[in-house]
């Protein structure tokens, strides 16, 4: 204390400057960092590739571009395709505003979806991988970009296949953060900014079709499940893949045969 008093007495002329420095330090925003579960594990590449490709019908797989996820950087091209289709495993859904380590959604897009909709997955994945953003900051950034027109809806009718034998996904709208592992091969047709009333859909129909994300995002879909026979064949043909996925991570153990 005595030394502090002596320093203050001999350097009184510096106190206003020091006070200004302290105030400036308080006003400088701190760099945000993600909290909890922002770091994802790296799936074995062969397993990730097979699961991603399983989203597509068999006749489209050989010519598709496959994106794999580097948890430290984001998505990268592991297989360059020729038919315009892309496929990948979605592990961050920015609309739900949380970081989970256990979301695995095999998804694909046609050429138009690859241009317009894949960035809605690519960019949040890169932000999460950087460790510099919270879930809320990512959501705010994405919504701001949508409002500015940086992300736009597909310019034509198109399709996203989600025909994988298994997926672990959110089961409700943003705000309901329930996640479930399920067998539900289905088709998603681009339907941005429309309502159930626009197309005469009965909400919560047990058999579909359903609308997803359609009122607030360019990534709106009209979803139709595959029929029972096709779904049963997809699941039977994927039994070896299902076993390897369960061995990799117990969260792939199916908790419901069909659910939406």
Protein backbone atom coordinates (compact mmCIF):
# COMPACT_ATOMS: atom_id res chain seq x y z
CA UNK A 1 0.00 0.00 0.00
CA UNK A 2 2.85 2.40 0.91
CA UNK A 3 4.56 1.79 -2.41
CA UNK A 4 1.27 2.43 -4.24
CA UNK A 5 0.79 5.73 -2.37
CA UNK A 6 4.34 6.82 -3.24
CA UNK A 7 3.83 5.94 -6.91
CA UNK A 8 0.54 7.85 -6.97
CA UNK A 9 2.13 10.93 -5.34
CA UNK A 10 4.98 11.10 -7.86
CA UNK A 11 2.85 10.21 -10.92
CA UNK A 12 -0.38 12.05 -10.22
CA UNK A 13 -0.16 13.70 -13.65
CA UNK A 14 -0.57 10.26 -15.27
CA UNK A 15 -3.82 9.32 -13.51
CA UNK A 16 -6.18 10.93 -16.07
CA UNK A 17 -4.36 9.10 -18.87
CA UNK A 18 -4.54 5.77 -17.05
CA UNK A 19 -8.23 6.30 -16.41
CA UNK A 20 -8.83 6.91 -20.09
CA UNK A 21 -6.91 3.76 -21.02
CA UNK A 22 -9.00 1.68 -18.59
CA UNK A 23 -12.23 3.05 -20.04
CA UNK A 24 -11.08 2.29 -23.59
CA UNK A 25 -10.20 -1.26 -22.60
CA UNK A 26 -13.68 -1.77 -21.21
CA UNK A 27 -15.24 -0.47 -24.42
CA UNK A 28 -13.31 -2.81 -26.73
CA UNK A 29 -15.58 -5.80 -27.47
CA UNK A 30 -14.25 -9.15 -26.43
CA UNK A 31 -13.82 -11.78 -29.09
CA UNK A 32 -16.72 -14.23 -28.89
CA UNK A 33 -16.06 -17.89 -28.57
CA UNK A 34 -18.37 -20.82 -28.86
CA UNK A 35 -19.27 -22.61 -25.68
CA UNK A 36 -19.87 -26.31 -25.13
CA UNK A 37 -19.85 -29.03 -27.79
CA UNK A 38 -18.73 -26.71 -30.59
CA UNK A 39 -15.92 -29.14 -31.47
CA UNK A 40 -17.20 -32.07 -33.51
CA UNK A 41 -15.48 -35.42 -33.91
CA UNK A 42 -14.19 -36.47 -37.31
CA UNK A 43 -16.14 -39.39 -38.75
CA UNK A 44 -14.05 -42.10 -40.42
CA UNK A 45 -13.91 -40.83 -44.02
CA UNK A 46 -15.07 -44.07 -45.64
CA UNK A 47 -18.04 -44.30 -43.28
CA UNK A 48 -18.93 -40.64 -43.73
CA UNK A 49 -18.70 -40.98 -47.52
CA UNK A 50 -20.94 -44.04 -47.61
CA UNK A 51 -23.54 -42.46 -45.34
CA UNK A 52 -23.54 -39.23 -47.39
CA UNK A 53 -23.95 -41.10 -50.68
CA UNK A 54 -26.78 -43.18 -49.24
CA UNK A 55 -28.92 -40.02 -49.27
CA UNK A 56 -29.05 -40.31 -53.06
CA UNK A 57 -30.75 -42.91 -55.26
CA UNK A 58 -28.17 -45.49 -56.38
CA UNK A 59 -28.08 -44.30 -60.01
CA UNK A 60 -26.88 -40.81 -58.95
CA UNK A 61 -24.13 -41.78 -56.52
CA UNK A 62 -21.20 -42.42 -58.86
CA UNK A 63 -21.48 -38.96 -60.43
CA UNK A 64 -22.17 -36.96 -57.28
CA UNK A 65 -19.82 -34.59 -55.47
CA UNK A 66 -19.21 -35.69 -51.87
CA UNK A 67 -18.43 -33.16 -49.17
CA UNK A 68 -16.85 -34.38 -45.94
CA UNK A 69 -16.52 -32.38 -42.75
CA UNK A 70 -13.21 -31.30 -41.28
CA UNK A 71 -14.23 -30.32 -37.72
CA UNK A 72 -11.41 -27.75 -37.61
CA UNK A 73 -12.25 -26.02 -40.91
CA UNK A 74 -15.61 -27.02 -42.36
CA UNK A 75 -16.65 -28.92 -45.47
CA UNK A 76 -14.22 -29.96 -48.21
CA UNK A 77 -14.65 -31.88 -51.46
CA UNK A 78 -13.62 -35.51 -51.06
CA UNK A 79 -15.07 -36.73 -54.36
CA UNK A 80 -15.58 -34.42 -57.33
CA UNK A 81 -18.69 -35.32 -59.27
CA UNK A 82 -20.03 -34.74 -62.76
CA UNK A 83 -23.84 -34.80 -62.54
CA UNK A 84 -24.45 -31.65 -60.48
CA UNK A 85 -25.65 -33.45 -57.35
CA UNK A 86 -23.91 -32.96 -54.00
CA UNK A 87 -24.23 -34.91 -50.77
CA UNK A 88 -22.92 -34.50 -47.23
CA UNK A 89 -23.72 -35.09 -43.55
CA UNK A 90 -25.34 -32.06 -41.91
CA UNK A 91 -24.17 -31.76 -38.31
CA UNK A 92 -25.05 -28.14 -37.49
CA UNK A 93 -28.58 -26.77 -37.89
CA UNK A 94 -28.27 -23.06 -37.18
CA UNK A 95 -32.05 -22.53 -36.84
CA UNK A 96 -32.13 -24.50 -33.57
CA UNK A 97 -29.48 -22.23 -32.07
CA UNK A 98 -27.40 -24.84 -30.26
CA UNK A 99 -24.26 -26.91 -30.75
CA UNK A 100 -24.87 -30.63 -30.50
CA UNK A 101 -22.29 -33.35 -31.10
CA UNK A 102 -24.89 -35.96 -32.06
CA UNK A 103 -26.76 -34.63 -35.12
CA UNK A 104 -26.14 -36.60 -38.33
CA UNK A 105 -28.39 -35.83 -41.30
CA UNK A 106 -27.37 -37.33 -44.67
CA UNK A 107 -28.66 -34.89 -47.29
CA UNK A 108 -28.24 -34.22 -50.99
CA UNK A 109 -29.10 -31.45 -53.44
CA UNK A 110 -29.48 -31.20 -57.19
CA UNK A 111 -27.42 -28.59 -59.06
CA UNK A 112 -29.73 -25.68 -58.16
CA UNK A 113 -29.83 -26.69 -54.51
CA UNK A 114 -26.05 -27.07 -54.51
CA UNK A 115 -25.74 -23.44 -55.61
CA UNK A 116 -28.44 -21.89 -53.45
CA UNK A 117 -29.00 -24.14 -50.42
CA UNK A 118 -25.73 -25.90 -49.65
CA UNK A 119 -24.19 -22.55 -48.48
CA UNK A 120 -26.78 -22.54 -45.67
CA UNK A 121 -24.93 -25.59 -44.30
CA UNK A 122 -21.40 -24.81 -45.48
CA UNK A 123 -21.15 -21.39 -43.86
CA UNK A 124 -22.51 -22.29 -40.38
CA UNK A 125 -20.22 -25.34 -40.35
CA UNK A 126 -17.21 -23.12 -41.03
CA UNK A 127 -18.27 -20.63 -38.34
CA UNK A 128 -18.72 -23.41 -35.80
CA UNK A 129 -15.38 -24.98 -36.73
CA UNK A 130 -13.59 -21.69 -36.10
CA UNK A 131 -14.63 -21.73 -32.43
CA UNK A 132 -15.25 -17.97 -32.61
CA UNK A 133 -19.05 -17.93 -32.66
CA UNK A 134 -21.80 -18.86 -30.28
CA UNK A 135 -24.92 -20.58 -31.66
CA UNK A 136 -26.87 -17.33 -31.26
CA UNK A 137 -24.24 -15.38 -33.19
CA UNK A 138 -24.38 -17.90 -36.03
CA UNK A 139 -28.17 -17.71 -36.14
CA UNK A 140 -28.13 -13.92 -36.09
CA UNK A 141 -25.53 -13.87 -38.87
CA UNK A 142 -27.52 -16.27 -41.04
CA UNK A 143 -30.79 -14.39 -40.56
CA UNK A 144 -29.08 -11.08 -41.36
CA UNK A 145 -27.62 -12.54 -44.55
CA UNK A 146 -31.02 -13.88 -45.58
CA UNK A 147 -32.56 -10.43 -45.08
CA UNK A 148 -29.77 -8.85 -47.15
CA UNK A 149 -30.34 -11.34 -49.98
CA UNK A 150 -26.95 -13.02 -49.64
CA UNK A 151 -28.76 -16.35 -49.46
CA UNK A 152 -31.53 -16.74 -52.03
CA UNK A 153 -34.17 -19.34 -52.72
CA UNK A 154 -33.74 -21.77 -55.63
CA UNK A 155 -34.78 -20.23 -58.93
CA UNK A 156 -36.59 -23.34 -60.09
CA UNK A 157 -38.35 -26.42 -58.79
CA UNK A 158 -35.86 -29.00 -57.56
CA UNK A 159 -35.28 -31.88 -55.20
CA UNK A 160 -33.24 -32.89 -52.20
CA UNK A 161 -33.04 -36.62 -51.61
CA UNK A 162 -32.77 -37.86 -48.03
CA UNK A 163 -33.00 -41.58 -48.72
CA UNK A 164 -30.39 -42.77 -46.22
CA UNK A 165 -31.41 -45.77 -44.08
CA UNK A 166 -30.87 -43.76 -40.88
CA UNK A 167 -30.63 -40.18 -39.68
CA UNK A 168 -30.36 -38.40 -36.34
CA UNK A 169 -32.20 -35.11 -36.62
CA UNK A 170 -34.39 -32.55 -34.89
CA UNK A 171 -37.98 -33.74 -34.81
CA UNK A 172 -39.78 -30.42 -34.37
CA UNK A 173 -39.61 -26.79 -35.37
CA UNK A 174 -36.89 -24.44 -34.07
CA UNK A 175 -37.52 -24.01 -30.37
CA UNK A 176 -38.22 -27.71 -29.93
CA UNK A 177 -34.70 -29.12 -29.61
CA UNK A 178 -35.69 -32.78 -29.40
CA UNK A 179 -33.37 -35.02 -31.43
CA UNK A 180 -34.17 -38.56 -32.49
CA UNK A 181 -32.52 -41.35 -34.48
CA UNK A 182 -34.94 -42.75 -37.03
CA UNK A 183 -35.45 -44.62 -40.28
CA UNK A 184 -37.37 -42.29 -42.57
CA UNK A 185 -36.19 -42.15 -46.18
CA UNK A 186 -37.92 -39.22 -47.86
CA UNK A 187 -37.97 -36.70 -50.68
CA UNK A 188 -37.79 -32.91 -50.22
CA UNK A 189 -39.03 -30.59 -52.97
CA UNK A 190 -38.03 -26.92 -52.86
CA UNK A 191 -40.92 -24.83 -51.53
CA UNK A 192 -39.60 -21.58 -50.03
CA UNK A 193 -41.86 -18.98 -48.46
CA UNK A 194 -45.18 -20.79 -48.77
CA UNK A 195 -47.71 -21.85 -46.14
CA UNK A 196 -49.83 -24.93 -45.55
CA UNK A 197 -52.84 -22.97 -46.76
CA UNK A 198 -51.10 -22.11 -50.04
CA UNK A 199 -50.91 -25.77 -51.04
CA UNK A 200 -53.81 -27.21 -49.04
CA UNK A 201 -51.71 -29.27 -46.61
CA UNK A 202 -53.23 -30.60 -43.40
CA UNK A 203 -50.70 -29.80 -40.63
CA UNK A 204 -49.25 -32.76 -38.72
CA UNK A 205 -50.66 -35.34 -41.11
CA UNK A 206 -49.23 -38.76 -40.12
CA UNK A 207 -48.51 -39.66 -43.74
CA UNK A 208 -47.34 -36.37 -45.26
CA UNK A 209 -46.71 -34.27 -47.15
CA UNK A 210 -45.28 -31.71 -44.72
CA UNK A 211 -43.78 -28.26 -45.01
CA UNK A 212 -40.43 -27.47 -43.36
CA UNK A 213 -38.75 -24.06 -42.89
CA UNK A 214 -41.04 -22.65 -45.56
CA UNK A 215 -42.15 -19.39 -43.96
CA UNK A 216 -38.84 -17.77 -42.96
CA UNK A 217 -36.02 -19.28 -44.99
CA UNK A 218 -35.04 -19.78 -48.64
CA UNK A 219 -34.50 -23.39 -47.52
CA UNK A 220 -38.20 -24.31 -47.50
CA UNK A 221 -39.24 -27.84 -48.39
CA UNK A 222 -42.30 -29.87 -49.21
CA UNK A 223 -41.46 -33.27 -47.70
CA UNK A 224 -42.87 -36.59 -48.85
CA UNK A 225 -41.82 -39.88 -47.21
CA UNK A 226 -40.88 -42.84 -49.37
CA UNK A 227 -43.55 -45.54 -49.45
CA UNK A 228 -43.38 -48.51 -47.10
CA UNK A 229 -41.98 -50.95 -49.65
CA UNK A 230 -39.21 -48.62 -50.79
CA UNK A 231 -38.33 -47.67 -47.21
CA UNK A 232 -38.15 -51.33 -46.17
CA UNK A 233 -35.81 -52.10 -49.08
CA UNK A 234 -33.55 -49.12 -48.29
CA UNK A 235 -33.26 -50.19 -44.66
CA UNK A 236 -32.64 -53.84 -45.57
CA UNK A 237 -29.98 -52.92 -48.14
CA UNK A 238 -28.31 -50.65 -45.58
CA UNK A 239 -28.09 -53.15 -42.72
CA UNK A 240 -24.29 -53.44 -42.93
CA UNK A 241 -23.96 -49.65 -42.94
CA UNK A 242 -26.32 -49.41 -39.98
CA UNK A 243 -24.21 -51.88 -38.01
CA UNK A 244 -20.99 -49.96 -38.69
CA UNK A 245 -22.64 -46.69 -37.74
CA UNK A 246 -23.81 -48.12 -34.41
CA UNK A 247 -20.29 -49.42 -33.76
CA UNK A 248 -18.93 -45.94 -34.47
CA UNK A 249 -21.42 -44.09 -32.26
CA UNK A 250 -24.20 -45.49 -30.10
CA UNK A 251 -26.45 -42.56 -30.99
CA UNK A 252 -27.11 -44.28 -34.32
CA UNK A 253 -29.18 -46.93 -32.56
CA UNK A 254 -32.65 -46.34 -33.94
CA UNK A 255 -35.18 -45.16 -31.40
CA UNK A 256 -38.16 -45.06 -33.75
CA UNK A 257 -38.80 -46.94 -37.03
CA UNK A 258 -40.70 -44.03 -38.62
CA UNK A 259 -41.22 -40.57 -37.18
CA UNK A 260 -41.67 -36.98 -38.17
